[in-house]
N, C-alpha and C. Protein backbone atom coordinates (compact mmCIF):
# COMPACT_ATOMS: atom_id res chain seq x y z
N MET A 1 -16.24 -0.50 -22.93
CA MET A 1 -14.93 -0.06 -22.46
C MET A 1 -14.22 -1.26 -21.83
N THR A 2 -12.96 -1.40 -22.11
CA THR A 2 -12.20 -2.51 -21.57
C THR A 2 -11.63 -2.15 -20.20
N LYS A 3 -11.23 -3.17 -19.51
CA LYS A 3 -10.63 -2.92 -18.20
C LYS A 3 -9.13 -2.69 -18.38
N GLU A 4 -8.58 -1.88 -17.48
CA GLU A 4 -7.16 -1.55 -17.50
C GLU A 4 -6.49 -2.26 -16.32
N ILE A 5 -5.39 -2.92 -16.61
CA ILE A 5 -4.61 -3.60 -15.57
C ILE A 5 -3.65 -2.58 -14.96
N ILE A 6 -3.64 -2.48 -13.64
CA ILE A 6 -2.74 -1.58 -12.92
C ILE A 6 -1.63 -2.43 -12.31
N SER A 7 -0.39 -2.00 -12.53
CA SER A 7 0.75 -2.76 -12.02
C SER A 7 1.90 -1.82 -11.69
N THR A 8 2.62 -2.14 -10.63
CA THR A 8 3.79 -1.37 -10.23
C THR A 8 4.80 -2.27 -9.55
N ASN A 9 6.06 -1.97 -9.72
CA ASN A 9 7.13 -2.67 -9.01
C ASN A 9 7.29 -2.16 -7.58
N GLU A 10 6.58 -1.09 -7.23
CA GLU A 10 6.65 -0.51 -5.88
C GLU A 10 5.73 -1.23 -4.90
N ALA A 11 4.98 -2.21 -5.39
CA ALA A 11 4.16 -3.08 -4.54
C ALA A 11 4.51 -4.51 -4.94
N PRO A 12 4.26 -5.46 -4.06
CA PRO A 12 4.61 -6.85 -4.38
C PRO A 12 3.91 -7.34 -5.64
N GLN A 13 4.64 -8.10 -6.42
CA GLN A 13 4.04 -8.72 -7.60
C GLN A 13 3.04 -9.78 -7.14
N ALA A 14 2.06 -10.02 -7.96
CA ALA A 14 1.02 -11.00 -7.62
C ALA A 14 1.65 -12.36 -7.32
N ILE A 15 1.15 -13.01 -6.27
CA ILE A 15 1.64 -14.35 -5.92
C ILE A 15 0.62 -15.40 -6.34
N GLY A 16 -0.27 -15.01 -7.23
CA GLY A 16 -1.30 -15.92 -7.74
C GLY A 16 -1.85 -15.39 -9.04
N THR A 17 -3.00 -15.86 -9.39
CA THR A 17 -3.63 -15.50 -10.66
C THR A 17 -4.55 -14.29 -10.47
N TYR A 18 -3.94 -13.12 -10.25
CA TYR A 18 -4.68 -11.88 -10.08
C TYR A 18 -3.80 -10.71 -10.46
N SER A 19 -4.42 -9.55 -10.63
CA SER A 19 -3.72 -8.30 -10.91
C SER A 19 -3.67 -7.47 -9.63
N GLN A 20 -2.69 -6.59 -9.54
CA GLN A 20 -2.61 -5.72 -8.36
C GLN A 20 -3.85 -4.85 -8.24
N ALA A 21 -4.36 -4.41 -9.37
CA ALA A 21 -5.60 -3.63 -9.39
C ALA A 21 -6.16 -3.66 -10.80
N ILE A 22 -7.45 -3.40 -10.89
CA ILE A 22 -8.16 -3.31 -12.16
C ILE A 22 -8.93 -2.00 -12.17
N LYS A 23 -8.82 -1.27 -13.29
CA LYS A 23 -9.59 -0.05 -13.46
C LYS A 23 -10.62 -0.28 -14.56
N LYS A 24 -11.84 0.07 -14.28
CA LYS A 24 -12.93 0.00 -15.26
C LYS A 24 -13.72 1.28 -15.10
N ARG A 25 -13.73 2.08 -16.17
CA ARG A 25 -14.34 3.40 -16.15
C ARG A 25 -13.76 4.22 -14.99
N ASN A 26 -14.60 4.62 -14.04
CA ASN A 26 -14.10 5.44 -12.93
C ASN A 26 -13.93 4.64 -11.63
N LEU A 27 -13.90 3.31 -11.74
CA LEU A 27 -13.72 2.45 -10.57
C LEU A 27 -12.36 1.76 -10.62
N ILE A 28 -11.71 1.70 -9.47
CA ILE A 28 -10.46 0.94 -9.34
C ILE A 28 -10.64 -0.04 -8.19
N PHE A 29 -10.42 -1.30 -8.50
CA PHE A 29 -10.54 -2.37 -7.50
C PHE A 29 -9.13 -2.83 -7.13
N LEU A 30 -8.80 -2.70 -5.84
CA LEU A 30 -7.48 -3.08 -5.33
C LEU A 30 -7.51 -4.52 -4.85
N SER A 31 -6.58 -5.32 -5.34
CA SER A 31 -6.44 -6.67 -4.81
C SER A 31 -5.87 -6.62 -3.40
N GLY A 32 -6.04 -7.70 -2.68
CA GLY A 32 -5.53 -7.76 -1.32
C GLY A 32 -4.02 -7.62 -1.27
N GLN A 33 -3.56 -6.86 -0.31
CA GLN A 33 -2.13 -6.69 -0.06
C GLN A 33 -1.83 -7.22 1.33
N ILE A 34 -0.76 -8.00 1.41
CA ILE A 34 -0.24 -8.44 2.70
C ILE A 34 1.08 -7.70 2.94
N GLY A 35 1.72 -7.95 4.05
CA GLY A 35 2.92 -7.20 4.42
C GLY A 35 4.18 -7.68 3.75
N LEU A 36 4.12 -7.92 2.44
CA LEU A 36 5.32 -8.31 1.70
C LEU A 36 6.12 -7.07 1.31
N ASP A 37 7.42 -7.13 1.52
CA ASP A 37 8.31 -6.10 1.01
C ASP A 37 8.39 -6.31 -0.51
N PRO A 38 8.07 -5.30 -1.31
CA PRO A 38 8.03 -5.49 -2.76
C PRO A 38 9.39 -5.79 -3.39
N HIS A 39 10.47 -5.45 -2.71
CA HIS A 39 11.80 -5.66 -3.28
C HIS A 39 12.36 -7.04 -2.95
N THR A 40 11.98 -7.59 -1.81
CA THR A 40 12.49 -8.91 -1.42
C THR A 40 11.43 -9.99 -1.56
N MET A 41 10.15 -9.57 -1.64
CA MET A 41 9.01 -10.49 -1.68
C MET A 41 8.95 -11.37 -0.43
N LYS A 42 9.50 -10.85 0.67
CA LYS A 42 9.43 -11.54 1.96
C LYS A 42 8.51 -10.74 2.88
N LEU A 43 7.82 -11.48 3.74
CA LEU A 43 6.93 -10.87 4.72
C LEU A 43 7.77 -10.14 5.76
N VAL A 44 7.41 -8.88 6.06
CA VAL A 44 8.11 -8.15 7.12
C VAL A 44 7.72 -8.74 8.47
N ASP A 45 8.54 -8.52 9.48
CA ASP A 45 8.35 -9.14 10.79
C ASP A 45 7.37 -8.37 11.67
N GLY A 46 6.44 -9.08 12.27
CA GLY A 46 5.59 -8.51 13.30
C GLY A 46 4.38 -7.76 12.77
N ILE A 47 3.37 -7.69 13.60
CA ILE A 47 2.10 -7.08 13.20
C ILE A 47 2.25 -5.60 12.87
N GLU A 48 2.99 -4.84 13.66
CA GLU A 48 3.11 -3.40 13.41
C GLU A 48 3.75 -3.12 12.05
N LEU A 49 4.85 -3.79 11.75
CA LEU A 49 5.51 -3.59 10.45
C LEU A 49 4.64 -4.09 9.31
N GLN A 50 3.89 -5.18 9.53
CA GLN A 50 3.01 -5.67 8.48
C GLN A 50 1.89 -4.69 8.18
N ILE A 51 1.33 -4.07 9.20
CA ILE A 51 0.28 -3.08 8.98
C ILE A 51 0.82 -1.92 8.14
N HIS A 52 1.97 -1.40 8.53
CA HIS A 52 2.59 -0.31 7.76
C HIS A 52 2.83 -0.74 6.32
N GLN A 53 3.37 -1.94 6.12
CA GLN A 53 3.70 -2.40 4.78
C GLN A 53 2.45 -2.58 3.92
N VAL A 54 1.38 -3.07 4.51
CA VAL A 54 0.11 -3.22 3.79
C VAL A 54 -0.35 -1.86 3.26
N PHE A 55 -0.35 -0.84 4.11
CA PHE A 55 -0.78 0.48 3.67
C PHE A 55 0.17 1.05 2.62
N LYS A 56 1.47 0.87 2.79
CA LYS A 56 2.44 1.34 1.78
C LYS A 56 2.18 0.65 0.44
N ASN A 57 1.92 -0.65 0.48
CA ASN A 57 1.67 -1.39 -0.76
C ASN A 57 0.40 -0.90 -1.45
N LEU A 58 -0.67 -0.71 -0.68
CA LEU A 58 -1.90 -0.20 -1.26
C LEU A 58 -1.69 1.18 -1.88
N LEU A 59 -0.99 2.05 -1.18
CA LEU A 59 -0.76 3.40 -1.70
C LEU A 59 0.11 3.39 -2.95
N ALA A 60 1.04 2.45 -3.05
CA ALA A 60 1.86 2.34 -4.26
C ALA A 60 1.01 1.94 -5.46
N VAL A 61 0.07 1.03 -5.26
CA VAL A 61 -0.82 0.63 -6.36
C VAL A 61 -1.74 1.79 -6.74
N ILE A 62 -2.23 2.52 -5.75
CA ILE A 62 -3.08 3.68 -6.02
C ILE A 62 -2.32 4.72 -6.83
N LYS A 63 -1.07 4.96 -6.47
CA LYS A 63 -0.24 5.90 -7.21
C LYS A 63 -0.05 5.42 -8.65
N ALA A 64 0.19 4.14 -8.84
CA ALA A 64 0.37 3.58 -10.19
C ALA A 64 -0.89 3.73 -11.03
N ALA A 65 -2.03 3.79 -10.36
CA ALA A 65 -3.31 3.96 -11.06
C ALA A 65 -3.59 5.44 -11.36
N LYS A 66 -2.65 6.31 -10.99
CA LYS A 66 -2.81 7.76 -11.15
C LYS A 66 -4.05 8.26 -10.40
N ALA A 67 -4.22 7.70 -9.22
CA ALA A 67 -5.33 8.08 -8.35
C ALA A 67 -4.75 8.61 -7.05
N ASP A 68 -5.62 8.94 -6.12
CA ASP A 68 -5.21 9.48 -4.84
C ASP A 68 -5.90 8.71 -3.72
N LYS A 69 -5.26 8.64 -2.58
CA LYS A 69 -5.86 7.92 -1.46
C LYS A 69 -7.20 8.51 -1.05
N ALA A 70 -7.43 9.77 -1.36
CA ALA A 70 -8.72 10.40 -1.07
C ALA A 70 -9.85 9.79 -1.91
N ASP A 71 -9.49 9.08 -2.98
CA ASP A 71 -10.48 8.44 -3.84
C ASP A 71 -10.97 7.10 -3.29
N ILE A 72 -10.32 6.60 -2.23
CA ILE A 72 -10.72 5.32 -1.65
C ILE A 72 -12.08 5.50 -0.97
N VAL A 73 -13.03 4.65 -1.35
CA VAL A 73 -14.34 4.71 -0.71
C VAL A 73 -14.57 3.55 0.23
N LYS A 74 -13.83 2.45 0.06
CA LYS A 74 -14.04 1.26 0.90
C LYS A 74 -12.73 0.51 1.07
N LEU A 75 -12.42 0.16 2.31
CA LEU A 75 -11.30 -0.71 2.64
C LEU A 75 -11.83 -1.91 3.40
N ASN A 76 -11.27 -3.05 3.13
CA ASN A 76 -11.56 -4.27 3.89
C ASN A 76 -10.27 -4.72 4.55
N ILE A 77 -10.31 -4.94 5.84
CA ILE A 77 -9.15 -5.36 6.61
C ILE A 77 -9.43 -6.78 7.13
N TYR A 78 -8.46 -7.66 6.93
CA TYR A 78 -8.57 -9.04 7.41
C TYR A 78 -7.43 -9.26 8.39
N LEU A 79 -7.77 -9.70 9.60
CA LEU A 79 -6.78 -9.91 10.66
C LEU A 79 -6.88 -11.34 11.18
N THR A 80 -5.73 -11.95 11.42
CA THR A 80 -5.74 -13.28 12.01
C THR A 80 -5.98 -13.21 13.51
N ASP A 81 -5.88 -12.01 14.08
CA ASP A 81 -6.18 -11.82 15.50
C ASP A 81 -6.79 -10.43 15.67
N LEU A 82 -8.06 -10.39 16.02
CA LEU A 82 -8.75 -9.11 16.14
C LEU A 82 -8.26 -8.25 17.31
N LYS A 83 -7.40 -8.78 18.15
CA LYS A 83 -6.84 -7.93 19.21
C LYS A 83 -5.95 -6.83 18.62
N HIS A 84 -5.58 -6.95 17.34
CA HIS A 84 -4.76 -5.93 16.67
C HIS A 84 -5.60 -4.82 16.03
N PHE A 85 -6.92 -4.89 16.21
CA PHE A 85 -7.82 -3.92 15.59
C PHE A 85 -7.47 -2.48 15.99
N SER A 86 -7.22 -2.23 17.25
CA SER A 86 -6.91 -0.86 17.69
C SER A 86 -5.57 -0.39 17.12
N LEU A 87 -4.61 -1.29 16.96
CA LEU A 87 -3.33 -0.92 16.35
C LEU A 87 -3.53 -0.55 14.88
N VAL A 88 -4.39 -1.28 14.19
CA VAL A 88 -4.71 -0.94 12.80
C VAL A 88 -5.28 0.48 12.74
N ASN A 89 -6.21 0.80 13.63
CA ASN A 89 -6.80 2.14 13.66
C ASN A 89 -5.74 3.20 13.89
N GLN A 90 -4.86 2.95 14.84
CA GLN A 90 -3.80 3.91 15.18
C GLN A 90 -2.88 4.15 13.98
N ILE A 91 -2.44 3.09 13.35
CA ILE A 91 -1.51 3.22 12.22
C ILE A 91 -2.22 3.79 11.00
N MET A 92 -3.47 3.44 10.81
CA MET A 92 -4.22 3.95 9.66
C MET A 92 -4.27 5.47 9.66
N GLU A 93 -4.31 6.07 10.85
CA GLU A 93 -4.33 7.54 10.95
C GLU A 93 -3.06 8.18 10.40
N GLU A 94 -1.97 7.41 10.33
CA GLU A 94 -0.72 7.92 9.76
C GLU A 94 -0.77 7.99 8.24
N TYR A 95 -1.67 7.23 7.62
CA TYR A 95 -1.73 7.13 6.16
C TYR A 95 -2.96 7.79 5.55
N PHE A 96 -4.02 7.99 6.33
CA PHE A 96 -5.28 8.52 5.82
C PHE A 96 -5.77 9.65 6.71
N GLU A 97 -6.53 10.55 6.10
CA GLU A 97 -7.13 11.66 6.83
C GLU A 97 -8.64 11.53 6.77
N ALA A 98 -9.30 12.18 7.71
CA ALA A 98 -10.77 12.24 7.68
C ALA A 98 -11.20 13.09 6.48
N PRO A 99 -12.28 12.77 5.86
CA PRO A 99 -13.16 11.65 6.16
C PRO A 99 -12.54 10.33 5.69
N TYR A 100 -12.52 9.37 6.60
CA TYR A 100 -11.92 8.07 6.30
C TYR A 100 -12.84 7.27 5.39
N PRO A 101 -12.25 6.32 4.65
CA PRO A 101 -13.10 5.46 3.82
C PRO A 101 -14.00 4.56 4.68
N ALA A 102 -15.08 4.10 4.10
CA ALA A 102 -15.86 3.06 4.76
C ALA A 102 -14.94 1.86 4.92
N ARG A 103 -15.20 1.03 5.96
CA ARG A 103 -14.26 -0.05 6.22
C ARG A 103 -14.93 -1.19 6.93
N ALA A 104 -14.42 -2.38 6.67
CA ALA A 104 -14.79 -3.56 7.44
C ALA A 104 -13.50 -4.14 8.01
N ALA A 105 -13.60 -4.74 9.18
CA ALA A 105 -12.48 -5.47 9.77
C ALA A 105 -13.01 -6.85 10.14
N VAL A 106 -12.38 -7.87 9.60
CA VAL A 106 -12.86 -9.23 9.73
C VAL A 106 -11.76 -10.11 10.31
N GLY A 107 -12.10 -10.95 11.27
CA GLY A 107 -11.16 -11.93 11.79
C GLY A 107 -11.19 -13.17 10.91
N VAL A 108 -10.01 -13.63 10.54
CA VAL A 108 -9.89 -14.81 9.68
C VAL A 108 -8.93 -15.81 10.31
N ALA A 109 -9.05 -17.07 9.91
CA ALA A 109 -8.21 -18.12 10.47
C ALA A 109 -6.79 -18.07 9.94
N GLN A 110 -6.63 -17.74 8.66
CA GLN A 110 -5.30 -17.76 8.06
C GLN A 110 -5.30 -16.88 6.82
N LEU A 111 -4.12 -16.33 6.51
CA LEU A 111 -3.92 -15.52 5.32
C LEU A 111 -2.75 -16.07 4.51
N PRO A 112 -2.63 -15.70 3.23
CA PRO A 112 -1.51 -16.18 2.42
C PRO A 112 -0.17 -15.90 3.09
N LYS A 113 0.74 -16.83 2.94
CA LYS A 113 2.10 -16.74 3.48
C LYS A 113 2.12 -16.54 4.99
N ASP A 114 1.04 -16.92 5.68
CA ASP A 114 0.90 -16.76 7.12
C ASP A 114 1.00 -15.30 7.57
N ALA A 115 0.56 -14.39 6.70
CA ALA A 115 0.51 -12.98 7.05
C ALA A 115 -0.46 -12.79 8.22
N LEU A 116 -0.28 -11.69 8.94
CA LEU A 116 -1.14 -11.35 10.07
C LEU A 116 -2.26 -10.40 9.69
N ILE A 117 -2.11 -9.72 8.54
CA ILE A 117 -3.09 -8.74 8.06
C ILE A 117 -3.09 -8.74 6.55
N GLU A 118 -4.26 -8.48 5.98
CA GLU A 118 -4.42 -8.25 4.55
C GLU A 118 -5.46 -7.15 4.40
N ALA A 119 -5.33 -6.36 3.35
CA ALA A 119 -6.32 -5.31 3.08
C ALA A 119 -6.54 -5.20 1.58
N ASP A 120 -7.78 -4.92 1.21
CA ASP A 120 -8.15 -4.63 -0.16
C ASP A 120 -9.17 -3.50 -0.15
N GLY A 121 -9.62 -3.09 -1.30
CA GLY A 121 -10.62 -2.03 -1.33
C GLY A 121 -10.91 -1.57 -2.72
N PHE A 122 -11.67 -0.47 -2.81
CA PHE A 122 -11.89 0.11 -4.12
C PHE A 122 -12.02 1.62 -4.03
N LEU A 123 -11.74 2.23 -5.18
CA LEU A 123 -11.74 3.67 -5.33
C LEU A 123 -12.76 4.08 -6.38
N VAL A 124 -13.31 5.27 -6.23
CA VAL A 124 -14.17 5.86 -7.24
C VAL A 124 -13.54 7.19 -7.63
N LEU A 125 -13.26 7.36 -8.92
CA LEU A 125 -12.66 8.58 -9.42
C LEU A 125 -13.73 9.54 -9.87
N ASP A 126 -13.52 10.85 -9.63
CA ASP A 126 -14.48 11.88 -10.06
C ASP A 126 -14.41 12.06 -11.56
């Protein structure tokens, strides 16, 4: 079985040599999303807006894959400052319901375009 490329104009276009997501059988792998506005391709201002934009971008790719956020089994969060961890948790509750996906939160030195947050993950379809 070949892999299917997932793409949507409702999430930022790739800024490198990658696809927004790849589907293979019942697995969907989401590429990292930063807080880029998909229409302007500019980073939104501030950590709170970037967190919201990251989740909106991920959900747009999931929708393009004809999947549902309930299918997410793992999210990885990358933060340039781990003091924003509690804010990520607070905002994540606006986009996801329990049972929440498994998740990692990692502090990193720098992200593309000097973003403050990036997230990726994968889904398993029934």
